[in-house]
């Protein structure tokens, strides 16, 4: 697959690492930094642009650190579409989505070592009546409830990972909801991204706001602050920007 690199505003691109050589048509899909600055980023197999057929079991979730950029550690494999990630408030649990499974997996998380263990199904969307679509991006609030974007589902759901219960469904005026993140001065605004990439002309007329970013207020909830990646000092010297590297889904 193509290497992970950076570059903008006239700066040269620099290759940071190359992964998944065994799956040359795979691509990066979603990623996030943990509290210690490690980057967790996953890949997905080739998806035919016409039929949407996916090369299954060709995705991998990697963990990248300053010391492992040349050879990032494989954390979960194989997966289909590596997607949403987040950590709980105590930072001893990590939540992870492999989209086609329609599940959120909880791992015990060692913050100091960055190790995950003892996976279990925390949320199974297939058990929620009338909830359609597949889980995509994900975030968490300060009560440790998960907020999950539903691709093909036209909604964001709130779920309790401790008992697997569905707590709330928020309709979004777009079919393909791709990701969620908390923002605003008090981290109480939920920003929601959507896609129009795979919509037909008729579907684009049906969902004219598809491809927009939505801001949802009055949820009476606050999110967790984002963590920042800390990978390569020379990258920060080369460009005068924040050390935060964020990887987004397709819009």
Protein backbone atom coordinates (compact mmCIF):
# COMPACT_ATOMS: atom_id res chain seq x y z
CA UNK A 1 0.00 0.00 0.00
CA UNK A 2 1.03 3.65 -0.23
CA UNK A 3 3.29 4.88 2.59
CA UNK A 4 2.17 7.14 5.38
CA UNK A 5 3.60 10.59 4.71
CA UNK A 6 2.98 14.28 5.26
CA UNK A 7 3.27 17.48 3.27
CA UNK A 8 1.28 20.61 2.54
CA UNK A 9 1.56 24.27 1.55
CA UNK A 10 4.65 23.70 -0.58
CA UNK A 11 6.51 21.50 1.88
CA UNK A 12 8.09 18.34 0.62
CA UNK A 13 6.52 15.00 1.42
CA UNK A 14 8.44 12.73 3.71
CA UNK A 15 7.74 9.01 4.03
CA UNK A 16 7.24 8.06 7.68
CA UNK A 17 6.57 4.37 7.23
CA UNK A 18 5.21 1.76 4.84
CA UNK A 19 2.94 -1.07 5.95
CA UNK A 20 0.82 -3.96 4.62
CA UNK A 21 3.18 -4.89 1.82
CA UNK A 22 1.35 -8.21 1.58
CA UNK A 23 -1.83 -6.33 0.60
CA UNK A 24 -0.66 -3.79 -2.02
CA UNK A 25 -4.19 -2.51 -2.73
CA UNK A 26 -5.10 -1.87 0.89
CA UNK A 27 -5.25 1.65 2.31
CA UNK A 28 -5.26 3.50 5.61
CA UNK A 29 -8.75 4.21 6.87
CA UNK A 30 -8.96 5.56 10.42
CA UNK A 31 -6.60 6.30 13.27
CA UNK A 32 -6.15 8.13 16.54
CA UNK A 33 -3.47 9.00 19.09
CA UNK A 34 -3.56 7.63 22.61
CA UNK A 35 -2.69 9.55 25.78
CA UNK A 36 1.03 8.73 25.50
CA UNK A 37 1.27 9.96 21.90
CA UNK A 38 1.29 6.56 20.25
CA UNK A 39 -0.63 6.43 16.96
CA UNK A 40 -3.11 3.63 16.39
CA UNK A 41 -4.04 3.47 12.74
CA UNK A 42 -5.72 0.77 10.69
CA UNK A 43 -6.05 -0.33 7.12
CA UNK A 44 -8.77 -1.89 5.01
CA UNK A 45 -8.76 -4.16 1.98
CA UNK A 46 -9.44 -3.05 -1.57
CA UNK A 47 -13.04 -1.99 -2.23
CA UNK A 48 -14.27 -2.16 -5.82
CA UNK A 49 -15.53 1.34 -6.71
CA UNK A 50 -18.38 -0.03 -8.82
CA UNK A 51 -19.66 -3.06 -6.91
CA UNK A 52 -18.44 -2.01 -3.41
CA UNK A 53 -17.14 -5.58 -3.02
CA UNK A 54 -14.46 -5.66 -0.33
CA UNK A 55 -11.37 -7.85 -0.17
CA UNK A 56 -12.11 -9.28 3.26
CA UNK A 57 -9.57 -9.92 6.01
CA UNK A 58 -6.92 -7.70 4.45
CA UNK A 59 -6.99 -4.97 7.08
CA UNK A 60 -4.68 -4.54 10.06
CA UNK A 61 -4.64 -2.29 13.13
CA UNK A 62 -1.13 -0.97 13.76
CA UNK A 63 0.45 0.86 16.66
CA UNK A 64 3.17 3.39 15.85
CA UNK A 65 5.68 4.95 18.24
CA UNK A 66 8.89 6.92 17.82
CA UNK A 67 10.78 3.66 18.21
CA UNK A 68 8.62 1.59 15.87
CA UNK A 69 8.06 3.81 12.85
CA UNK A 70 10.21 1.60 10.63
CA UNK A 71 8.28 -1.48 11.70
CA UNK A 72 4.92 -0.58 13.29
CA UNK A 73 3.51 -3.22 15.61
CA UNK A 74 0.53 -5.27 14.43
CA UNK A 75 -2.09 -5.10 17.19
CA UNK A 76 -5.20 -6.65 15.62
CA UNK A 77 -5.25 -8.80 12.47
CA UNK A 78 -6.88 -9.70 10.27
CA UNK A 79 -9.73 -7.20 10.11
CA UNK A 80 -11.96 -6.06 7.26
CA UNK A 81 -12.36 -2.30 7.64
CA UNK A 82 -10.35 -0.92 10.55
CA UNK A 83 -12.35 1.97 11.92
CA UNK A 84 -13.38 3.86 15.08
CA UNK A 85 -11.11 4.01 18.13
CA UNK A 86 -11.36 5.59 21.57
CA UNK A 87 -10.27 5.17 25.20
CA UNK A 88 -12.28 5.47 28.39
CA UNK A 89 -11.80 8.16 31.02
CA UNK A 90 -9.68 5.96 33.29
CA UNK A 91 -7.57 5.06 30.26
CA UNK A 92 -7.68 1.36 31.04
CA UNK A 93 -10.05 0.33 28.24
CA UNK A 94 -9.77 0.76 24.47
CA UNK A 95 -12.73 0.47 22.10
CA UNK A 96 -12.34 -0.58 18.48
CA UNK A 97 -14.55 -1.10 15.42
CA UNK A 98 -14.11 -3.48 12.49
CA UNK A 99 -17.02 -2.12 10.46
CA UNK A 100 -18.57 -5.23 8.81
CA UNK A 101 -18.85 -7.02 12.16
CA UNK A 102 -21.30 -4.35 13.40
CA UNK A 103 -19.65 -4.66 16.80
CA UNK A 104 -17.53 -2.57 19.14
CA UNK A 105 -14.78 -4.58 20.81
CA UNK A 106 -13.47 -3.59 24.22
CA UNK A 107 -9.86 -4.34 25.16
CA UNK A 108 -8.16 -4.01 28.50
CA UNK A 109 -5.55 -1.31 27.97
CA UNK A 110 -2.18 -0.82 29.64
CA UNK A 111 -1.52 2.89 29.28
CA UNK A 112 2.14 2.68 30.27
CA UNK A 113 3.05 -0.11 27.84
CA UNK A 114 0.38 0.50 25.23
CA UNK A 115 -0.69 -3.15 25.32
CA UNK A 116 -4.22 -4.45 24.69
CA UNK A 117 -5.64 -7.74 25.96
CA UNK A 118 -8.80 -9.72 26.75
CA UNK A 119 -11.11 -8.57 23.94
CA UNK A 120 -14.85 -8.77 24.45
CA UNK A 121 -17.91 -7.55 22.55
CA UNK A 122 -19.04 -4.35 24.27
CA UNK A 123 -21.71 -3.25 21.78
CA UNK A 124 -23.46 -5.39 19.15
CA UNK A 125 -25.44 -3.15 16.82
CA UNK A 126 -27.16 -6.12 15.18
CA UNK A 127 -29.08 -6.55 18.45
CA UNK A 128 -30.62 -3.06 18.28
CA UNK A 129 -34.09 -3.20 16.67
CA UNK A 130 -34.66 -0.68 13.89
CA UNK A 131 -31.04 0.52 13.89
CA UNK A 132 -29.57 0.18 10.42
CA UNK A 133 -26.14 0.78 8.96
CA UNK A 134 -22.63 -0.14 9.96
CA UNK A 135 -20.41 1.44 12.64
CA UNK A 136 -17.79 3.84 11.31
CA UNK A 137 -16.07 6.55 13.38
CA UNK A 138 -16.51 6.67 17.15
CA UNK A 139 -15.88 8.87 20.17
CA UNK A 140 -16.57 8.73 23.90
CA UNK A 141 -18.01 11.09 26.51
CA UNK A 142 -16.96 11.78 30.08
CA UNK A 143 -19.47 9.22 31.36
CA UNK A 144 -17.73 6.58 29.22
CA UNK A 145 -20.63 6.18 26.81
CA UNK A 146 -19.80 5.59 23.16
CA UNK A 147 -21.04 7.76 20.29
CA UNK A 148 -20.93 5.88 17.00
CA UNK A 149 -21.45 7.10 13.43
CA UNK A 150 -23.51 4.72 11.29
CA UNK A 151 -22.52 4.47 7.64
CA UNK A 152 -25.58 3.57 5.53
CA UNK A 153 -27.60 4.20 8.69
CA UNK A 154 -28.25 7.95 8.62
CA UNK A 155 -27.68 8.35 12.33
CA UNK A 156 -25.37 8.59 15.32
CA UNK A 157 -26.05 6.28 18.24
CA UNK A 158 -25.10 6.53 21.90
CA UNK A 159 -24.40 3.20 23.60
CA UNK A 160 -23.29 2.02 27.03
CA UNK A 161 -20.29 -0.31 26.59
CA UNK A 162 -20.60 -1.69 30.11
CA UNK A 163 -23.93 -3.39 29.45
CA UNK A 164 -24.25 -3.05 25.67
CA UNK A 165 -27.46 -1.02 25.85
CA UNK A 166 -28.59 1.49 23.24
CA UNK A 167 -29.16 4.85 24.92
CA UNK A 168 -29.98 7.27 22.11
CA UNK A 169 -30.40 7.52 18.34
CA UNK A 170 -29.78 10.87 16.62
CA UNK A 171 -31.02 11.06 13.01
CA UNK A 172 -28.67 12.83 10.60
CA UNK A 173 -29.90 14.20 7.23
CA UNK A 174 -27.36 12.14 5.29
CA UNK A 175 -27.30 8.43 4.54
CA UNK A 176 -23.61 7.83 5.14
CA UNK A 177 -22.46 9.16 8.51
CA UNK A 178 -18.70 8.74 8.76
CA UNK A 179 -17.30 10.07 12.04
CA UNK A 180 -17.88 12.00 15.26
CA UNK A 181 -15.75 14.15 17.55
CA UNK A 182 -16.40 16.43 20.52
CA UNK A 183 -15.52 20.10 20.19
CA UNK A 184 -16.32 23.60 21.34
CA UNK A 185 -14.85 25.46 24.35
CA UNK A 186 -16.53 23.04 26.75
CA UNK A 187 -16.28 19.91 24.59
CA UNK A 188 -20.08 19.74 24.58
CA UNK A 189 -20.70 20.04 20.83
CA UNK A 190 -20.73 16.83 18.82
CA UNK A 191 -19.35 17.38 15.32
CA UNK A 192 -20.53 14.83 12.78
CA UNK A 193 -19.02 14.21 9.34
CA UNK A 194 -20.94 12.68 6.45
CA UNK A 195 -20.21 11.48 2.93
CA UNK A 196 -21.83 11.81 -0.49
CA UNK A 197 -19.11 9.86 -2.30
CA UNK A 198 -21.12 6.72 -3.09
CA UNK A 199 -24.51 8.35 -3.61
CA UNK A 200 -26.31 8.20 -6.95
CA UNK A 201 -27.74 11.38 -8.44
CA UNK A 202 -31.17 10.43 -7.13
CA UNK A 203 -29.75 9.81 -3.67
CA UNK A 204 -27.95 13.15 -3.72
CA UNK A 205 -31.27 14.83 -4.40
CA UNK A 206 -32.77 12.85 -1.52
CA UNK A 207 -29.91 13.84 0.81
CA UNK A 208 -28.87 17.34 -0.33
CA UNK A 209 -26.89 17.92 2.88
CA UNK A 210 -24.81 14.77 2.43
CA UNK A 211 -21.12 15.57 2.59
CA UNK A 212 -21.67 18.26 5.21
CA UNK A 213 -20.27 18.55 8.71
CA UNK A 214 -22.99 18.91 11.35
CA UNK A 215 -22.71 20.38 14.86
CA UNK A 216 -25.10 18.94 17.44
CA UNK A 217 -25.71 20.96 20.61
CA UNK A 218 -27.82 20.62 23.77
CA UNK A 219 -26.81 17.00 24.31
CA UNK A 220 -26.12 17.68 28.00
CA UNK A 221 -22.93 15.72 27.62
CA UNK A 222 -19.23 16.54 27.47
CA UNK A 223 -16.61 14.66 25.55
CA UNK A 224 -13.09 13.63 26.35
CA UNK A 225 -10.32 15.93 25.07
CA UNK A 226 -8.29 14.63 22.13
CA UNK A 227 -4.82 13.22 22.59
CA UNK A 228 -1.85 14.28 20.50
CA UNK A 229 0.53 12.16 18.46
CA UNK A 230 4.21 12.33 19.30
CA UNK A 231 6.14 10.44 16.65
CA UNK A 232 8.96 12.32 14.97
CA UNK A 233 10.61 15.43 16.36
CA UNK A 234 11.97 16.39 12.95
CA UNK A 235 8.45 16.58 11.55
CA UNK A 236 7.53 19.25 14.08
CA UNK A 237 10.71 21.18 13.30
CA UNK A 238 10.01 21.05 9.58
CA UNK A 239 6.54 22.57 9.82
CA UNK A 240 5.26 25.16 12.27
CA UNK A 241 2.05 23.40 13.21
CA UNK A 242 0.65 21.47 16.15
CA UNK A 243 2.12 18.03 16.76
CA UNK A 244 -1.35 16.59 16.32
CA UNK A 245 -1.64 14.31 13.30
CA UNK A 246 -5.24 13.28 12.68
CA UNK A 247 -6.35 10.78 10.03
CA UNK A 248 -9.81 11.21 8.58
CA UNK A 249 -12.24 9.01 6.69
CA UNK A 250 -13.34 9.82 3.17
CA UNK A 251 -15.89 12.64 3.01
